[in-house]
Amino acid sequence: MILRPYQEIAIQELREGIRQHPGQPGLLVAPTGSGKSQIFGWMAHSAVSKGKHVGAAVNRRILVNDLCKRVHGLGLDYGVIMGSEPRRVWAKVHIASLDTLWRRELPKWDICYIDEAHFSLAPKYSAVIRKLVEQGTVVIGMTATPCRGT
C-alpha cells in the first residue's frame, strides 16, 4: 500500500502528537477525499503486523459498510460489531457502529479510530471515547471538520 506524501506527513505528525501527549486522544484532520480511510488502513495494517488489536468506530451503517469495503480491498482480515452482525472475535481489526459500542461492553483494543470525530462532544461519542481511554486504548479521531458551528 503506497501513501501519498501528505498522508505520510499526517501519520508522522499524528504519531509525534501521541508520543508527546500520552493518554490523550489524537486527532487527524484531513479534507474530504484526502484518503483518511487509506490512512486508517495503512496504520491498521502496521499495528496488526506488530500484534496489536485495532478498532474503528463510525456513526452510521452506511459508513460501516463503506469502511468494510475499503479494509477488505486492503487485504486486512476484519470483523464487524453492529446490531445482529455475526461476531468475529478472533479478528485483529474490527469496524464498529458507535451506537453498538455505546450499548455493549467495549472490546479491548490497542488502538481505536473514531470517524467523524467532530461529534466527539456528543454524549454517546464522549462516553465511548472516555471508556476507551480509561482501558488504555490509544484513541485517534479522524475528521475533515474539526471546528463546527453551534
Protein backbone atom coordinates (compact mmCIF):
# COMPACT_ATOMS: atom_id res chain seq x y z
CA MET A 1 0.00 0.00 0.00
CA ILE A 2 1.53 3.28 -1.09
CA LEU A 3 0.68 6.51 0.68
CA ARG A 4 0.84 9.97 -0.78
CA PRO A 5 3.44 12.32 0.73
CA TYR A 6 0.83 14.39 2.62
CA GLN A 7 -0.61 11.17 4.09
CA GLU A 8 2.83 10.12 5.30
CA ILE A 9 3.33 13.54 6.89
CA ALA A 10 -0.08 13.31 8.58
CA ILE A 11 0.82 9.93 10.08
CA GLN A 12 4.22 11.20 11.30
CA GLU A 13 2.64 14.26 12.92
CA LEU A 14 -0.13 12.17 14.50
CA ARG A 15 2.38 9.71 15.96
CA GLU A 16 4.50 12.56 17.32
CA GLY A 17 1.47 14.17 18.96
CA ILE A 18 0.50 10.87 20.59
CA ARG A 19 4.05 10.41 21.90
CA GLN A 20 4.11 13.94 23.31
CA HIS A 21 0.68 13.61 24.97
CA PRO A 22 0.31 10.01 26.20
CA GLY A 23 -3.18 9.09 27.36
CA GLN A 24 -4.77 11.88 25.33
CA PRO A 25 -6.74 11.19 22.15
CA GLY A 26 -5.04 12.19 18.91
CA LEU A 27 -6.77 13.99 16.05
CA LEU A 28 -6.16 13.55 12.34
CA VAL A 29 -7.65 16.39 10.31
CA ALA A 30 -7.73 15.97 6.55
CA PRO A 31 -10.07 17.25 3.83
CA THR A 32 -12.87 15.16 2.40
CA GLY A 33 -11.45 12.89 -0.29
CA SER A 34 -7.89 13.07 1.03
CA GLY A 35 -7.78 9.39 1.94
CA LYS A 36 -8.47 9.21 5.68
CA SER A 37 -9.71 5.64 5.16
CA GLN A 38 -6.47 4.83 3.33
CA ILE A 39 -4.52 6.31 6.23
CA PHE A 40 -6.59 4.24 8.67
CA GLY A 41 -5.93 1.11 6.59
CA TRP A 42 -2.18 1.73 6.49
CA MET A 43 -1.99 2.41 10.22
CA ALA A 44 -4.21 -0.62 11.00
CA HIS A 45 -2.02 -2.84 8.82
CA SER A 46 1.09 -1.53 10.59
CA ALA A 47 -0.45 -2.11 14.04
CA VAL A 48 -1.68 -5.63 13.18
CA SER A 49 1.79 -6.54 11.92
CA LYS A 50 3.00 -5.74 15.47
CA GLY A 51 0.33 -7.96 17.05
CA LYS A 52 -2.00 -5.10 18.01
CA HIS A 53 -5.81 -5.14 18.04
CA VAL A 54 -7.44 -2.27 16.16
CA GLY A 55 -10.95 -0.83 16.18
CA ALA A 56 -12.71 1.75 14.06
CA ALA A 57 -15.93 3.36 15.29
CA VAL A 58 -18.24 5.03 12.79
CA ASN A 59 -21.62 6.59 13.34
CA ARG A 60 -23.79 5.17 10.55
CA ARG A 61 -24.44 1.76 8.99
CA ILE A 62 -23.51 3.06 5.54
CA LEU A 63 -20.11 4.16 6.89
CA VAL A 64 -19.56 0.74 8.48
CA ASN A 65 -20.26 -0.89 5.11
CA ASP A 66 -18.05 1.59 3.24
CA LEU A 67 -15.11 1.10 5.60
CA CYS A 68 -15.55 -2.70 5.38
CA LYS A 69 -15.16 -2.50 1.60
CA ARG A 70 -12.06 -0.35 1.91
CA VAL A 71 -10.45 -2.57 4.56
CA HIS A 72 -11.26 -5.68 2.53
CA GLY A 73 -9.65 -4.05 -0.51
CA LEU A 74 -6.50 -3.53 1.54
CA GLY A 75 -6.36 -7.23 2.37
CA LEU A 76 -7.00 -6.88 6.11
CA ASP A 77 -8.94 -9.59 7.93
CA TYR A 78 -11.65 -7.85 9.94
CA GLY A 79 -14.83 -8.30 11.92
CA VAL A 80 -17.91 -6.13 12.28
CA ILE A 81 -19.53 -5.04 15.53
CA MET A 82 -23.00 -3.84 14.63
CA GLY A 83 -26.52 -4.95 15.53
CA SER A 84 -27.11 -8.54 14.51
CA GLU A 85 -23.86 -8.94 12.58
CA PRO A 86 -22.03 -12.17 13.50
CA ARG A 87 -19.05 -11.53 15.77
CA ARG A 88 -15.56 -12.49 14.63
CA VAL A 89 -13.83 -12.13 17.99
CA TRP A 90 -10.55 -13.53 16.66
CA ALA A 91 -10.13 -10.75 14.09
CA LYS A 92 -7.37 -8.24 14.83
CA VAL A 93 -9.36 -5.42 13.19
CA HIS A 94 -12.97 -4.54 13.99
CA ILE A 95 -15.20 -1.98 12.35
CA ALA A 96 -17.95 -0.97 14.74
CA SER A 97 -21.09 1.07 14.85
CA LEU A 98 -20.68 3.70 17.52
CA ASP A 99 -24.27 3.10 18.71
CA THR A 100 -23.50 -0.59 19.19
CA LEU A 101 -20.29 0.18 21.09
CA TRP A 102 -22.20 2.58 23.32
CA ARG A 103 -24.64 -0.18 24.26
CA ARG A 104 -22.18 -3.05 24.71
CA GLU A 105 -19.09 -3.84 26.71
CA LEU A 106 -16.18 -2.42 24.76
CA PRO A 107 -13.63 -4.74 23.15
CA LYS A 108 -10.04 -4.47 24.33
CA TRP A 109 -8.33 -2.66 21.51
CA ASP A 110 -4.82 -1.25 21.49
CA ILE A 111 -5.86 1.48 19.05
CA CYS A 112 -9.29 2.81 18.09
CA TYR A 113 -10.04 5.23 15.29
CA ILE A 114 -13.10 7.43 15.77
CA ASP A 115 -14.57 8.56 12.45
CA GLU A 116 -16.43 11.87 12.26
CA ALA A 117 -14.58 12.96 15.40
CA HIS A 118 -16.16 16.41 15.24
CA PHE A 119 -19.11 14.74 17.01
CA SER A 120 -16.89 13.71 19.93
CA LEU A 121 -18.63 16.03 22.40
CA ALA A 122 -21.97 14.31 21.83
CA PRO A 123 -22.94 12.12 24.82
CA LYS A 124 -22.59 8.74 23.07
CA TYR A 125 -19.28 9.64 21.45
CA SER A 126 -17.79 11.09 24.61
CA ALA A 127 -18.91 8.10 26.71
CA VAL A 128 -17.30 5.62 24.29
CA ILE A 129 -14.10 7.68 23.99
CA ARG A 130 -13.83 8.07 27.78
CA LYS A 131 -14.23 4.30 28.33
CA LEU A 132 -11.67 3.51 25.64
CA VAL A 133 -9.12 5.90 27.14
CA GLU A 134 -9.78 4.50 30.63
CA GLN A 135 -8.96 0.99 29.43
CA GLY A 136 -5.68 2.18 27.90
CA THR A 137 -6.70 2.31 24.24
CA VAL A 138 -4.91 4.85 22.06
CA VAL A 139 -7.81 6.84 20.57
CA ILE A 140 -7.38 8.65 17.27
CA GLY A 141 -10.15 10.89 15.99
CA MET A 142 -10.47 11.48 12.26
CA THR A 143 -12.41 14.34 10.68
CA ALA A 144 -12.48 16.84 7.86
CA THR A 145 -14.26 19.42 10.01
CA PRO A 146 -12.70 19.75 13.49
CA CYS A 147 -14.40 23.09 14.27
CA ARG A 148 -18.15 23.20 13.85
CA GLY A 149 -20.62 25.99 14.43
CA THR A 150 -23.27 25.69 17.12
